Structures are given as structure tokens and as C-alpha cells.
Amino acid sequence: MKAVFVSYNQALTDPMQEILDDLGVRGFTKWELTMGRGSFDGEPHYGTHAWPSMNSSMLMIVEDEKVAPLLDAFRKLDSQTKMQGSRAFVWNIEQVM
């Protein structure tokens, strides 16, 4: 199993949820308001007067075979909305309760 963490501009909430639904990923934990800025480019998302955008973030634990389709779908969305600044990360899960 893998942990997939994704952070994205709140404007992408509906498309992100559609990806999960389309790929049969039911379980996730979501943080509605997260702040950040990209490693290379893009505008900061701080929720301030100067930088009003905000991010949301999700963590999902999925079977290994779902990781590639998830990342492919996230990459496709990111390529269509480049300035929104999505990022995804994957970790190994050692144990599950």
C-alpha cells in the first residue's frame, strides 16, 4: 500500500474529487485550508491580501496498482491548469490498523 499526498489550489477541488471518484478511491483525509508556495514557480497561496489564493490538501492510502493511474490523472489536470500549482507525493505504508 502507498500513501498519496496531494496539495492543490482550492479552485481544483471538484476536478480532484472527480479523479478520486473515477478511479474508485473512496477513503481520504482532506485539509480544506493549507498554505504554501511552489518549489520552482507559481504564485504563493497564503490567504492574505497580497496572495489571496489558498490550497487544499488530501492524503489517501491506496493499493499499489492505483498509484500510477492517480498520478497520471493528477499530472493531466496539472498540465491543464499549470499556474494553479498542484503537487503530489507518494510514500510506502509499512502497516495499517
Protein backbone atom coordinates (compact mmCIF):
# COMPACT_ATOMS: atom_id res chain seq x y z
CA MET A 1 0.00 0.00 0.00
CA LYS A 2 1.03 3.58 -0.62
CA ALA A 3 0.22 6.96 0.87
CA VAL A 4 -0.51 9.61 -1.74
CA PHE A 5 -0.46 13.22 -0.57
CA VAL A 6 -1.63 15.93 -2.95
CA SER A 7 -1.77 19.69 -2.44
CA TYR A 8 -3.65 21.83 -4.95
CA ASN A 9 -5.34 25.20 -5.42
CA GLN A 10 -8.85 25.18 -3.94
CA ALA A 11 -10.18 26.09 -7.39
CA LEU A 12 -9.39 22.47 -8.38
CA THR A 13 -11.47 20.83 -5.64
CA ASP A 14 -14.20 19.49 -7.92
CA PRO A 15 -11.82 18.04 -10.56
CA MET A 16 -9.72 16.45 -7.79
CA GLN A 17 -12.81 14.80 -6.30
CA GLU A 18 -13.83 13.59 -9.77
CA ILE A 19 -10.43 11.92 -10.18
CA LEU A 20 -10.86 10.04 -6.92
CA ASP A 21 -14.41 9.01 -7.81
CA ASP A 22 -13.45 7.92 -11.34
CA LEU A 23 -10.59 5.76 -10.02
CA GLY A 24 -12.58 4.24 -7.16
CA VAL A 25 -10.59 5.87 -4.36
CA ARG A 26 -13.13 6.15 -1.59
CA GLY A 27 -11.07 6.85 1.54
CA PHE A 28 -9.13 10.06 2.06
CA THR A 29 -8.39 12.74 4.62
CA LYS A 30 -8.75 16.33 3.46
CA TRP A 31 -7.46 19.58 4.84
CA GLU A 32 -9.63 22.38 3.43
CA LEU A 33 -7.17 25.22 4.05
CA THR A 34 -3.44 24.79 3.54
CA MET A 35 -0.91 27.43 2.60
CA GLY A 36 2.22 27.14 0.52
CA ARG A 37 4.24 28.15 -2.48
CA GLY A 38 5.78 26.17 -5.29
CA SER A 39 9.36 24.95 -5.34
CA PHE A 40 10.10 26.48 -8.74
CA ASP A 41 7.39 28.84 -9.93
CA GLY A 42 3.80 29.90 -9.46
CA GLU A 43 2.30 32.35 -7.04
CA PRO A 44 2.19 31.71 -3.28
CA HIS A 45 -1.12 30.59 -1.80
CA TYR A 46 -1.18 32.31 1.61
CA GLY A 47 -4.76 33.51 2.03
CA THR A 48 -3.55 37.09 2.56
CA HIS A 49 -4.47 40.36 0.93
CA ALA A 50 -1.36 40.20 -1.27
CA TRP A 51 -1.65 36.46 -2.02
CA PRO A 52 -5.34 35.56 -1.54
CA SER A 53 -5.40 32.05 -3.04
CA MET A 54 -5.46 29.06 -0.72
CA ASN A 55 -4.67 25.40 -1.18
CA SER A 56 -6.42 22.27 -0.04
CA SER A 57 -4.59 19.02 0.60
CA MET A 58 -5.59 15.36 0.66
CA LEU A 59 -3.99 12.17 1.91
CA MET A 60 -5.18 8.82 0.66
CA ILE A 61 -3.92 5.30 1.33
CA VAL A 62 -4.30 3.17 -1.80
CA GLU A 63 -3.30 -0.17 -3.24
CA ASP A 64 -0.03 -0.06 -5.20
CA GLU A 65 -1.77 -0.54 -8.55
CA LYS A 66 -3.84 2.65 -8.06
CA VAL A 67 -0.81 4.93 -7.66
CA ALA A 68 0.13 5.20 -11.35
CA PRO A 69 -3.42 5.97 -12.55
CA LEU A 70 -3.83 8.55 -9.78
CA LEU A 71 -0.56 10.28 -10.61
CA ASP A 72 -1.35 10.19 -14.33
CA ALA A 73 -4.72 11.86 -13.69
CA PHE A 74 -3.15 14.43 -11.34
CA ARG A 75 -0.44 15.20 -13.95
CA LYS A 76 -3.05 15.63 -16.68
CA LEU A 77 -5.05 18.06 -14.54
CA ASP A 78 -1.88 19.92 -13.55
CA SER A 79 -0.82 20.28 -17.20
CA GLN A 80 -4.20 21.85 -17.99
CA THR A 81 -4.04 24.23 -15.00
CA LYS A 82 -0.29 24.84 -14.73
CA MET A 83 -0.45 28.12 -12.82
CA GLN A 84 -2.61 26.58 -10.09
CA GLY A 85 0.42 24.70 -8.72
CA SER A 86 -0.54 21.13 -7.80
CA ARG A 87 1.96 18.73 -6.23
CA ALA A 88 1.67 15.04 -5.34
CA PHE A 89 3.94 12.81 -3.25
CA VAL A 90 3.96 9.06 -2.59
CA TRP A 91 5.24 7.14 0.45
CA ASN A 92 5.34 3.45 1.33
CA ILE A 93 2.94 2.32 4.04
CA GLU A 94 4.52 -0.19 6.42
CA GLN A 95 1.44 -1.17 8.46
CA VAL A 96 -2.28 -0.47 8.57
CA MET A 97 -4.59 -0.85 11.53
